N, C-alpha and C. Protein backbone atom coordinates (compact mmCIF):
# COMPACT_ATOMS: atom_id res chain seq x y z
N MET A 1 -11.26 -49.66 47.60
CA MET A 1 -9.96 -49.14 47.25
C MET A 1 -9.53 -48.05 48.23
N LEU A 2 -10.43 -47.18 48.64
CA LEU A 2 -10.09 -46.14 49.58
C LEU A 2 -9.77 -46.69 50.97
N SER A 3 -10.28 -47.84 51.27
CA SER A 3 -10.00 -48.43 52.59
C SER A 3 -8.55 -48.91 52.70
N SER A 4 -7.86 -49.11 51.58
CA SER A 4 -6.47 -49.57 51.61
C SER A 4 -5.48 -48.43 51.80
N ILE A 5 -5.93 -47.13 51.70
CA ILE A 5 -5.05 -45.98 51.88
C ILE A 5 -5.18 -45.53 53.34
N SER A 6 -4.04 -45.42 54.00
CA SER A 6 -4.08 -44.99 55.40
C SER A 6 -4.03 -43.47 55.47
N TRP A 7 -4.34 -42.93 56.66
CA TRP A 7 -4.32 -41.49 56.86
C TRP A 7 -2.90 -40.95 56.73
N GLN A 8 -1.93 -41.70 57.07
CA GLN A 8 -0.53 -41.27 56.96
C GLN A 8 -0.14 -41.10 55.50
N HIS A 9 -0.53 -42.07 54.66
CA HIS A 9 -0.23 -41.96 53.22
C HIS A 9 -0.98 -40.78 52.60
N TYR A 10 -2.23 -40.57 53.02
CA TYR A 10 -3.03 -39.46 52.49
C TYR A 10 -2.41 -38.11 52.86
N LEU A 11 -2.03 -37.93 54.11
CA LEU A 11 -1.42 -36.67 54.54
C LEU A 11 -0.05 -36.45 53.87
N ALA A 12 0.70 -37.52 53.70
CA ALA A 12 2.00 -37.40 53.03
C ALA A 12 1.81 -36.97 51.57
N ALA A 13 0.82 -37.52 50.90
CA ALA A 13 0.55 -37.14 49.51
C ALA A 13 0.10 -35.69 49.41
N VAL A 14 -0.77 -35.23 50.32
CA VAL A 14 -1.23 -33.84 50.31
C VAL A 14 -0.07 -32.89 50.57
N VAL A 15 0.80 -33.21 51.51
CA VAL A 15 1.95 -32.35 51.83
C VAL A 15 2.90 -32.30 50.63
N ILE A 16 3.17 -33.41 50.01
CA ILE A 16 4.09 -33.44 48.86
C ILE A 16 3.52 -32.63 47.70
N ILE A 17 2.24 -32.79 47.42
CA ILE A 17 1.61 -32.04 46.31
C ILE A 17 1.60 -30.55 46.62
N THR A 18 1.29 -30.17 47.86
CA THR A 18 1.26 -28.75 48.23
C THR A 18 2.64 -28.13 48.16
N VAL A 19 3.65 -28.81 48.68
CA VAL A 19 5.02 -28.28 48.64
C VAL A 19 5.51 -28.16 47.20
N SER A 20 5.22 -29.15 46.38
CA SER A 20 5.67 -29.07 44.98
C SER A 20 4.95 -27.94 44.24
N TYR A 21 3.68 -27.70 44.54
CA TYR A 21 2.95 -26.60 43.91
C TYR A 21 3.57 -25.25 44.28
N TYR A 22 3.80 -25.02 45.56
CA TYR A 22 4.38 -23.75 45.98
C TYR A 22 5.83 -23.60 45.52
N LEU A 23 6.56 -24.67 45.45
CA LEU A 23 7.92 -24.63 44.92
C LEU A 23 7.91 -24.22 43.44
N TYR A 24 6.98 -24.77 42.68
CA TYR A 24 6.84 -24.38 41.28
C TYR A 24 6.51 -22.90 41.14
N VAL A 25 5.56 -22.42 41.94
CA VAL A 25 5.16 -21.01 41.86
C VAL A 25 6.34 -20.10 42.20
N VAL A 26 7.07 -20.42 43.24
CA VAL A 26 8.22 -19.59 43.65
C VAL A 26 9.29 -19.61 42.57
N LEU A 27 9.60 -20.76 42.03
CA LEU A 27 10.64 -20.83 40.98
C LEU A 27 10.19 -20.17 39.69
N ARG A 28 8.93 -20.26 39.39
CA ARG A 28 8.43 -19.71 38.13
C ARG A 28 8.31 -18.19 38.16
N TYR A 29 7.79 -17.64 39.22
CA TYR A 29 7.46 -16.22 39.24
C TYR A 29 8.45 -15.36 40.04
N TYR A 30 9.35 -15.96 40.76
CA TYR A 30 10.29 -15.18 41.56
C TYR A 30 11.74 -15.55 41.23
N GLN A 31 12.04 -15.72 39.94
CA GLN A 31 13.39 -16.12 39.53
C GLN A 31 14.42 -15.06 39.84
N LYS A 32 14.12 -13.81 39.59
CA LYS A 32 15.09 -12.74 39.82
C LYS A 32 15.43 -12.61 41.30
N GLU A 33 14.40 -12.67 42.14
CA GLU A 33 14.65 -12.54 43.57
C GLU A 33 15.48 -13.71 44.11
N ILE A 34 15.24 -14.91 43.60
CA ILE A 34 16.01 -16.07 44.03
C ILE A 34 17.46 -15.97 43.56
N SER A 35 17.64 -15.49 42.32
CA SER A 35 19.02 -15.35 41.82
C SER A 35 19.78 -14.30 42.61
N VAL A 36 19.11 -13.25 43.08
CA VAL A 36 19.77 -12.24 43.91
C VAL A 36 20.17 -12.85 45.25
N LEU A 37 19.35 -13.71 45.81
CA LEU A 37 19.67 -14.33 47.09
C LEU A 37 20.88 -15.25 47.01
N PHE A 38 20.99 -15.99 45.92
CA PHE A 38 22.05 -16.99 45.82
C PHE A 38 23.26 -16.53 45.00
N ASN A 39 23.19 -15.40 44.37
CA ASN A 39 24.29 -14.94 43.52
C ASN A 39 24.83 -13.63 44.09
N HIS A 40 26.05 -13.64 44.56
CA HIS A 40 26.66 -12.45 45.16
C HIS A 40 27.17 -11.48 44.10
N LYS A 41 27.42 -11.95 42.88
CA LYS A 41 27.94 -11.08 41.82
C LYS A 41 26.92 -10.01 41.43
N THR A 42 25.66 -10.36 41.41
CA THR A 42 24.65 -9.37 41.05
C THR A 42 24.57 -8.26 42.09
N ARG A 43 24.81 -8.57 43.36
CA ARG A 43 24.83 -7.53 44.39
C ARG A 43 25.98 -6.57 44.16
N ASN A 44 27.15 -7.10 43.84
CA ASN A 44 28.32 -6.24 43.60
C ASN A 44 28.12 -5.39 42.35
N ALA A 45 27.46 -5.92 41.36
CA ALA A 45 27.20 -5.15 40.14
C ALA A 45 26.26 -4.00 40.44
N ASP A 46 25.30 -4.20 41.35
CA ASP A 46 24.39 -3.12 41.71
C ASP A 46 25.11 -1.99 42.44
N ILE A 47 26.16 -2.30 43.17
CA ILE A 47 26.91 -1.29 43.91
C ILE A 47 27.62 -0.35 42.95
N PHE A 48 28.22 -0.90 41.87
CA PHE A 48 29.00 -0.09 40.93
C PHE A 48 28.19 0.39 39.73
N SER A 49 26.90 0.24 39.75
CA SER A 49 26.10 0.65 38.60
C SER A 49 26.09 2.16 38.43
N ALA A 50 26.26 2.92 39.50
CA ALA A 50 26.28 4.38 39.38
C ALA A 50 27.55 4.87 38.71
N ILE A 51 28.62 4.13 38.80
CA ILE A 51 29.90 4.54 38.20
C ILE A 51 29.92 4.27 36.70
N ARG A 52 29.31 3.15 36.29
CA ARG A 52 29.30 2.75 34.89
C ARG A 52 28.41 3.67 34.05
N PRO A 53 28.76 3.92 32.76
CA PRO A 53 27.87 4.71 31.91
C PRO A 53 26.56 3.95 31.69
N SER A 54 25.48 4.71 31.58
CA SER A 54 24.16 4.08 31.52
C SER A 54 23.86 3.42 30.17
N ALA A 55 24.27 4.02 29.07
CA ALA A 55 23.94 3.46 27.75
C ALA A 55 25.22 3.19 26.98
N ILE A 56 25.40 1.95 26.59
CA ILE A 56 26.54 1.57 25.77
C ILE A 56 26.02 1.23 24.38
N SER A 57 26.54 1.93 23.38
CA SER A 57 26.10 1.70 22.00
C SER A 57 27.01 0.66 21.37
N ILE A 58 26.43 -0.46 21.00
CA ILE A 58 27.20 -1.54 20.39
C ILE A 58 27.21 -1.39 18.88
N ILE A 59 26.09 -1.09 18.28
CA ILE A 59 25.97 -1.06 16.83
C ILE A 59 26.35 0.29 16.25
N GLY A 60 25.90 1.35 16.81
CA GLY A 60 26.20 2.68 16.28
C GLY A 60 24.99 3.27 15.58
N GLN A 61 25.17 4.46 15.04
CA GLN A 61 24.10 5.18 14.37
C GLN A 61 23.93 4.70 12.93
N ALA A 62 22.71 4.70 12.46
CA ALA A 62 22.43 4.36 11.07
C ALA A 62 22.72 5.58 10.20
N LYS A 63 23.45 5.38 9.12
CA LYS A 63 23.80 6.48 8.23
C LYS A 63 23.00 6.35 6.93
N PRO A 64 22.44 7.45 6.43
CA PRO A 64 21.72 7.37 5.16
C PRO A 64 22.68 7.21 3.99
N ASP A 65 22.15 6.71 2.89
CA ASP A 65 22.95 6.54 1.68
C ASP A 65 23.39 7.89 1.15
N ASN A 66 24.42 7.87 0.30
CA ASN A 66 24.89 9.11 -0.32
C ASN A 66 23.80 9.70 -1.20
N GLY A 67 23.59 10.98 -1.09
CA GLY A 67 22.59 11.66 -1.90
C GLY A 67 21.20 11.64 -1.30
N VAL A 68 21.02 10.99 -0.16
CA VAL A 68 19.72 10.93 0.49
C VAL A 68 19.70 11.97 1.60
N SER A 69 18.65 12.76 1.61
CA SER A 69 18.52 13.75 2.67
C SER A 69 17.19 13.55 3.38
N ILE A 70 17.16 13.96 4.62
CA ILE A 70 15.95 13.83 5.42
C ILE A 70 15.36 15.21 5.57
N GLY A 71 14.08 15.35 5.24
CA GLY A 71 13.43 16.65 5.30
C GLY A 71 12.24 16.61 6.24
N GLU A 72 11.72 17.77 6.50
CA GLU A 72 10.55 17.90 7.35
C GLU A 72 9.29 17.49 6.57
N THR A 73 8.31 16.97 7.26
CA THR A 73 7.09 16.53 6.59
C THR A 73 6.28 17.72 6.07
N GLN A 74 6.46 18.90 6.64
CA GLN A 74 5.72 20.06 6.16
C GLN A 74 6.21 20.52 4.80
N SER A 75 7.43 20.16 4.43
CA SER A 75 7.97 20.63 3.15
C SER A 75 7.74 19.65 2.01
N LEU A 76 7.04 18.53 2.25
CA LEU A 76 6.78 17.56 1.20
C LEU A 76 5.70 18.09 0.26
N PRO A 77 5.93 18.01 -1.07
CA PRO A 77 4.91 18.50 -2.00
C PRO A 77 3.81 17.46 -2.21
N PHE A 78 2.57 17.90 -2.14
CA PHE A 78 1.43 17.04 -2.40
C PHE A 78 0.56 17.70 -3.46
N THR A 79 -0.19 16.88 -4.17
CA THR A 79 -1.10 17.40 -5.19
C THR A 79 -2.40 17.84 -4.53
N ASP A 80 -3.17 18.60 -5.26
CA ASP A 80 -4.45 19.06 -4.74
C ASP A 80 -5.40 17.89 -4.61
N VAL A 81 -6.27 17.97 -3.66
CA VAL A 81 -7.26 16.93 -3.42
C VAL A 81 -8.41 17.11 -4.40
N LEU A 82 -8.76 16.03 -5.10
CA LEU A 82 -9.86 16.08 -6.06
C LEU A 82 -11.13 15.59 -5.38
N PRO A 83 -12.28 16.12 -5.75
CA PRO A 83 -13.53 15.67 -5.14
C PRO A 83 -13.88 14.26 -5.59
N ASP A 84 -14.72 13.59 -4.80
CA ASP A 84 -15.13 12.22 -5.12
C ASP A 84 -16.08 12.16 -6.30
N ASP A 85 -16.84 13.21 -6.53
CA ASP A 85 -17.81 13.23 -7.61
C ASP A 85 -17.10 13.57 -8.91
N PRO A 86 -17.14 12.69 -9.93
CA PRO A 86 -16.41 12.99 -11.17
C PRO A 86 -16.97 14.21 -11.91
N ASN A 87 -18.22 14.57 -11.67
CA ASN A 87 -18.78 15.75 -12.33
C ASN A 87 -18.17 17.03 -11.78
N ASP A 88 -17.68 16.98 -10.54
CA ASP A 88 -17.07 18.14 -9.94
C ASP A 88 -15.56 18.15 -10.08
N ALA A 89 -15.01 17.17 -10.78
CA ALA A 89 -13.55 17.04 -10.87
C ALA A 89 -12.96 18.24 -11.59
N ILE A 90 -11.84 18.67 -11.08
CA ILE A 90 -11.11 19.80 -11.68
C ILE A 90 -10.11 19.24 -12.67
N THR A 91 -10.06 19.81 -13.85
CA THR A 91 -9.13 19.30 -14.86
C THR A 91 -7.72 19.70 -14.48
N ASP A 92 -6.78 18.93 -14.93
CA ASP A 92 -5.37 19.14 -14.61
C ASP A 92 -4.87 20.41 -15.29
N SER A 93 -4.14 21.22 -14.54
CA SER A 93 -3.65 22.49 -15.09
C SER A 93 -2.42 22.32 -15.96
N ASN A 94 -1.81 21.13 -15.96
CA ASN A 94 -0.60 20.89 -16.74
C ASN A 94 -0.88 20.13 -18.02
N GLN A 95 -2.03 20.33 -18.64
CA GLN A 95 -2.37 19.60 -19.85
C GLN A 95 -1.61 20.19 -21.04
N THR A 96 -1.53 19.41 -22.10
CA THR A 96 -0.82 19.86 -23.29
C THR A 96 -1.58 20.97 -23.99
N SER A 97 -0.92 21.62 -24.90
CA SER A 97 -1.55 22.75 -25.58
C SER A 97 -2.67 22.31 -26.53
N ASP A 98 -2.66 21.02 -26.95
CA ASP A 98 -3.73 20.52 -27.81
C ASP A 98 -5.05 20.47 -27.05
N SER A 99 -4.98 20.13 -25.77
CA SER A 99 -6.19 20.01 -24.96
C SER A 99 -6.60 21.38 -24.46
N GLN A 100 -7.81 21.80 -24.80
CA GLN A 100 -8.28 23.13 -24.43
C GLN A 100 -9.30 23.03 -23.31
N ASN A 101 -9.14 22.03 -22.43
CA ASN A 101 -10.00 21.81 -21.28
C ASN A 101 -11.44 21.51 -21.67
N ASP A 102 -11.69 21.10 -22.88
CA ASP A 102 -13.03 20.64 -23.22
C ASP A 102 -12.99 19.12 -23.37
N PRO A 103 -14.09 18.45 -23.11
CA PRO A 103 -14.10 16.99 -23.11
C PRO A 103 -13.78 16.38 -24.47
N GLU A 104 -14.15 17.05 -25.54
CA GLU A 104 -13.89 16.49 -26.87
C GLU A 104 -12.40 16.39 -27.14
N SER A 105 -11.65 17.46 -26.85
CA SER A 105 -10.20 17.41 -27.11
C SER A 105 -9.51 16.45 -26.14
N GLU A 106 -10.04 16.32 -24.91
CA GLU A 106 -9.48 15.34 -23.98
C GLU A 106 -9.70 13.92 -24.49
N LEU A 107 -10.89 13.67 -25.04
CA LEU A 107 -11.19 12.36 -25.60
C LEU A 107 -10.25 12.03 -26.75
N VAL A 108 -10.06 13.00 -27.64
CA VAL A 108 -9.18 12.78 -28.79
C VAL A 108 -7.74 12.57 -28.31
N SER A 109 -7.33 13.30 -27.29
CA SER A 109 -5.99 13.14 -26.74
C SER A 109 -5.79 11.76 -26.13
N GLU A 110 -6.79 11.27 -25.39
CA GLU A 110 -6.68 9.95 -24.78
C GLU A 110 -6.70 8.84 -25.83
N VAL A 111 -7.50 9.01 -26.87
CA VAL A 111 -7.48 8.02 -27.95
C VAL A 111 -6.14 8.08 -28.68
N GLY A 112 -5.53 9.28 -28.73
CA GLY A 112 -4.19 9.39 -29.29
C GLY A 112 -3.17 8.59 -28.49
N ASN A 113 -3.32 8.60 -27.17
CA ASN A 113 -2.44 7.76 -26.33
C ASN A 113 -2.68 6.29 -26.61
N LEU A 114 -3.93 5.93 -26.85
CA LEU A 114 -4.26 4.55 -27.18
C LEU A 114 -3.67 4.17 -28.54
N ILE A 115 -3.69 5.10 -29.47
CA ILE A 115 -3.08 4.85 -30.79
C ILE A 115 -1.58 4.61 -30.63
N GLN A 116 -0.93 5.40 -29.78
CA GLN A 116 0.51 5.20 -29.53
C GLN A 116 0.77 3.83 -28.92
N ALA A 117 -0.13 3.36 -28.07
CA ALA A 117 0.04 2.05 -27.45
C ALA A 117 -0.14 0.93 -28.46
N PHE A 118 -0.99 1.12 -29.47
CA PHE A 118 -1.26 0.10 -30.47
C PHE A 118 -0.41 0.29 -31.73
N LYS A 119 0.63 1.10 -31.66
CA LYS A 119 1.46 1.38 -32.82
C LYS A 119 2.09 0.10 -33.39
N ASP A 120 2.51 -0.81 -32.50
CA ASP A 120 3.18 -2.03 -32.94
C ASP A 120 2.30 -3.28 -32.80
N VAL A 121 1.04 -3.10 -32.45
CA VAL A 121 0.13 -4.24 -32.24
C VAL A 121 -0.85 -4.29 -33.40
N ASP A 122 -1.05 -5.49 -33.95
CA ASP A 122 -1.95 -5.67 -35.08
C ASP A 122 -3.22 -6.38 -34.62
N ASN A 123 -4.02 -5.67 -33.81
CA ASN A 123 -5.26 -6.24 -33.31
C ASN A 123 -6.34 -5.16 -33.37
N LYS A 124 -7.01 -5.10 -34.49
CA LYS A 124 -8.00 -4.05 -34.75
C LYS A 124 -9.21 -4.16 -33.83
N GLN A 125 -9.69 -5.39 -33.61
CA GLN A 125 -10.89 -5.57 -32.80
C GLN A 125 -10.66 -5.11 -31.36
N GLU A 126 -9.52 -5.41 -30.80
CA GLU A 126 -9.22 -4.98 -29.43
C GLU A 126 -9.10 -3.46 -29.37
N PHE A 127 -8.50 -2.86 -30.38
CA PHE A 127 -8.38 -1.40 -30.42
C PHE A 127 -9.76 -0.74 -30.45
N ILE A 128 -10.63 -1.25 -31.28
CA ILE A 128 -11.98 -0.68 -31.40
C ILE A 128 -12.76 -0.88 -30.09
N THR A 129 -12.59 -2.03 -29.46
CA THR A 129 -13.25 -2.27 -28.18
C THR A 129 -12.77 -1.29 -27.12
N LEU A 130 -11.46 -1.05 -27.06
CA LEU A 130 -10.91 -0.11 -26.07
C LEU A 130 -11.34 1.33 -26.36
N VAL A 131 -11.43 1.69 -27.64
CA VAL A 131 -11.91 3.03 -27.98
C VAL A 131 -13.37 3.17 -27.55
N GLY A 132 -14.17 2.10 -27.73
CA GLY A 132 -15.56 2.12 -27.29
C GLY A 132 -15.68 2.31 -25.78
N ILE A 133 -14.84 1.64 -25.03
CA ILE A 133 -14.85 1.80 -23.58
C ILE A 133 -14.46 3.22 -23.20
N LEU A 134 -13.46 3.75 -23.89
CA LEU A 134 -13.02 5.12 -23.62
C LEU A 134 -14.11 6.14 -23.96
N VAL A 135 -14.78 5.93 -25.08
CA VAL A 135 -15.85 6.85 -25.48
C VAL A 135 -17.00 6.77 -24.47
N ASN A 136 -17.33 5.57 -24.00
CA ASN A 136 -18.42 5.44 -23.03
C ASN A 136 -18.08 6.06 -21.69
N SER A 137 -16.79 6.19 -21.38
CA SER A 137 -16.42 6.86 -20.12
C SER A 137 -16.67 8.37 -20.22
N TYR A 138 -16.80 8.90 -21.43
CA TYR A 138 -17.11 10.31 -21.63
C TYR A 138 -18.60 10.55 -21.88
N LYS A 139 -19.42 9.55 -21.58
CA LYS A 139 -20.85 9.66 -21.85
C LYS A 139 -21.52 10.77 -21.03
N ARG A 140 -20.94 11.11 -19.88
CA ARG A 140 -21.53 12.18 -19.06
C ARG A 140 -21.36 13.55 -19.72
N PHE A 141 -20.47 13.66 -20.71
CA PHE A 141 -20.28 14.91 -21.45
C PHE A 141 -20.95 14.84 -22.82
N GLU A 142 -22.01 14.08 -22.91
CA GLU A 142 -22.69 13.81 -24.18
C GLU A 142 -23.11 15.09 -24.90
N GLU A 143 -23.56 16.08 -24.14
CA GLU A 143 -24.03 17.33 -24.76
C GLU A 143 -22.86 18.18 -25.28
N GLN A 144 -21.70 18.04 -24.70
CA GLN A 144 -20.56 18.89 -25.03
C GLN A 144 -19.68 18.32 -26.14
N ILE A 145 -19.83 17.03 -26.44
CA ILE A 145 -18.96 16.38 -27.41
C ILE A 145 -19.70 16.15 -28.71
N ASP A 146 -19.08 16.56 -29.83
CA ASP A 146 -19.57 16.22 -31.16
C ASP A 146 -18.85 14.93 -31.55
N LEU A 147 -19.50 13.80 -31.25
CA LEU A 147 -18.84 12.51 -31.40
C LEU A 147 -18.38 12.20 -32.82
N PRO A 148 -19.18 12.44 -33.88
CA PRO A 148 -18.67 12.16 -35.23
C PRO A 148 -17.43 12.98 -35.58
N ALA A 149 -17.39 14.24 -35.16
CA ALA A 149 -16.21 15.07 -35.44
C ALA A 149 -15.00 14.54 -34.68
N ALA A 150 -15.19 14.15 -33.41
CA ALA A 150 -14.08 13.63 -32.61
C ALA A 150 -13.57 12.31 -33.20
N LEU A 151 -14.49 11.44 -33.61
CA LEU A 151 -14.07 10.16 -34.18
C LEU A 151 -13.41 10.34 -35.55
N SER A 152 -13.82 11.33 -36.31
CA SER A 152 -13.14 11.58 -37.58
C SER A 152 -11.71 12.09 -37.33
N ARG A 153 -11.51 12.87 -36.27
CA ARG A 153 -10.15 13.29 -35.91
C ARG A 153 -9.31 12.09 -35.49
N VAL A 154 -9.95 11.12 -34.80
CA VAL A 154 -9.25 9.91 -34.38
C VAL A 154 -8.84 9.09 -35.60
N VAL A 155 -9.75 8.97 -36.59
CA VAL A 155 -9.44 8.23 -37.82
C VAL A 155 -8.28 8.89 -38.55
N GLU A 156 -8.28 10.21 -38.62
CA GLU A 156 -7.19 10.94 -39.28
C GLU A 156 -5.86 10.71 -38.56
N ASN A 157 -5.89 10.74 -37.23
CA ASN A 157 -4.66 10.54 -36.46
C ASN A 157 -4.12 9.12 -36.59
N SER A 158 -5.00 8.16 -36.81
CA SER A 158 -4.56 6.76 -36.82
C SER A 158 -4.14 6.25 -38.19
N LYS A 159 -4.30 7.05 -39.25
CA LYS A 159 -4.02 6.55 -40.60
C LYS A 159 -2.59 6.06 -40.76
N GLU A 160 -1.61 6.81 -40.36
CA GLU A 160 -0.21 6.43 -40.59
C GLU A 160 0.41 5.74 -39.38
N LYS A 161 -0.23 5.80 -38.23
CA LYS A 161 0.40 5.30 -37.02
C LYS A 161 0.07 3.85 -36.71
N LEU A 162 -1.04 3.33 -37.21
CA LEU A 162 -1.45 1.96 -36.90
C LEU A 162 -1.14 1.02 -38.05
N LYS A 163 -0.97 -0.27 -37.73
CA LYS A 163 -0.70 -1.28 -38.76
C LYS A 163 -1.96 -1.64 -39.53
N PHE A 164 -3.13 -1.34 -39.00
CA PHE A 164 -4.40 -1.65 -39.64
C PHE A 164 -5.12 -0.34 -39.92
N THR A 165 -6.09 -0.41 -40.84
CA THR A 165 -6.84 0.80 -41.18
C THR A 165 -8.11 0.85 -40.34
N VAL A 166 -8.44 2.06 -39.94
CA VAL A 166 -9.63 2.29 -39.13
C VAL A 166 -10.53 3.24 -39.90
N ALA A 167 -11.80 2.89 -40.02
CA ALA A 167 -12.77 3.74 -40.69
C ALA A 167 -13.78 4.25 -39.67
N LEU A 168 -14.46 5.30 -40.04
CA LEU A 168 -15.47 5.89 -39.16
C LEU A 168 -16.62 4.91 -38.90
N SER A 169 -16.86 4.02 -39.85
CA SER A 169 -17.95 3.04 -39.69
C SER A 169 -17.61 1.99 -38.63
N ASP A 170 -16.33 1.82 -38.30
CA ASP A 170 -15.94 0.86 -37.26
C ASP A 170 -16.43 1.30 -35.88
N PHE A 171 -16.65 2.59 -35.72
CA PHE A 171 -17.03 3.13 -34.42
C PHE A 171 -18.53 3.43 -34.32
N GLN A 172 -19.34 2.87 -35.19
CA GLN A 172 -20.75 3.25 -35.23
C GLN A 172 -21.53 2.84 -33.99
N ASN A 173 -21.09 1.81 -33.26
CA ASN A 173 -21.83 1.36 -32.08
C ASN A 173 -21.19 1.81 -30.77
N THR A 174 -20.27 2.76 -30.83
CA THR A 174 -19.56 3.14 -29.62
C THR A 174 -20.40 4.00 -28.68
N TRP A 175 -21.26 4.86 -29.19
CA TRP A 175 -22.05 5.75 -28.33
C TRP A 175 -23.49 5.29 -28.41
N ALA A 176 -23.81 4.30 -27.62
CA ALA A 176 -25.17 3.74 -27.67
C ALA A 176 -26.05 4.30 -26.62
């Protein structure tokens, strides 16, 4: 098969492939320079570019909504950083007057929030399960909490607020 190709055909093929390769490279990577060579308008535009204003605003400035103000980041209020260890956690200074910063009153207050959530729900088993989870989250304060007294306060608070009745015996397995 190679004996049927003459040297003239071979050299013509090499020249055509080489010229097409370099033509592709020039057209691909030197488009701007070629357009400057063949386009006289771009040259004239470069002459008057010093006279024209440099920035033309087409859209305009963005305006904030009414009542929105932009402030400095230093003036933004942030809360205090709490430690990662829950034993070192600082209690919130804005607690209600019922909570006296002791774990027992906090527990009763949180169960009171749970009672408010279950005011219109008639599911006693779910309520008792959630109270058990809440009580177990206070297990680290075991020495500071009188659990029967706290649970009796919870029973008293829930008498008129819940659709079902809760007895102290319902919570017997909560602090295991």
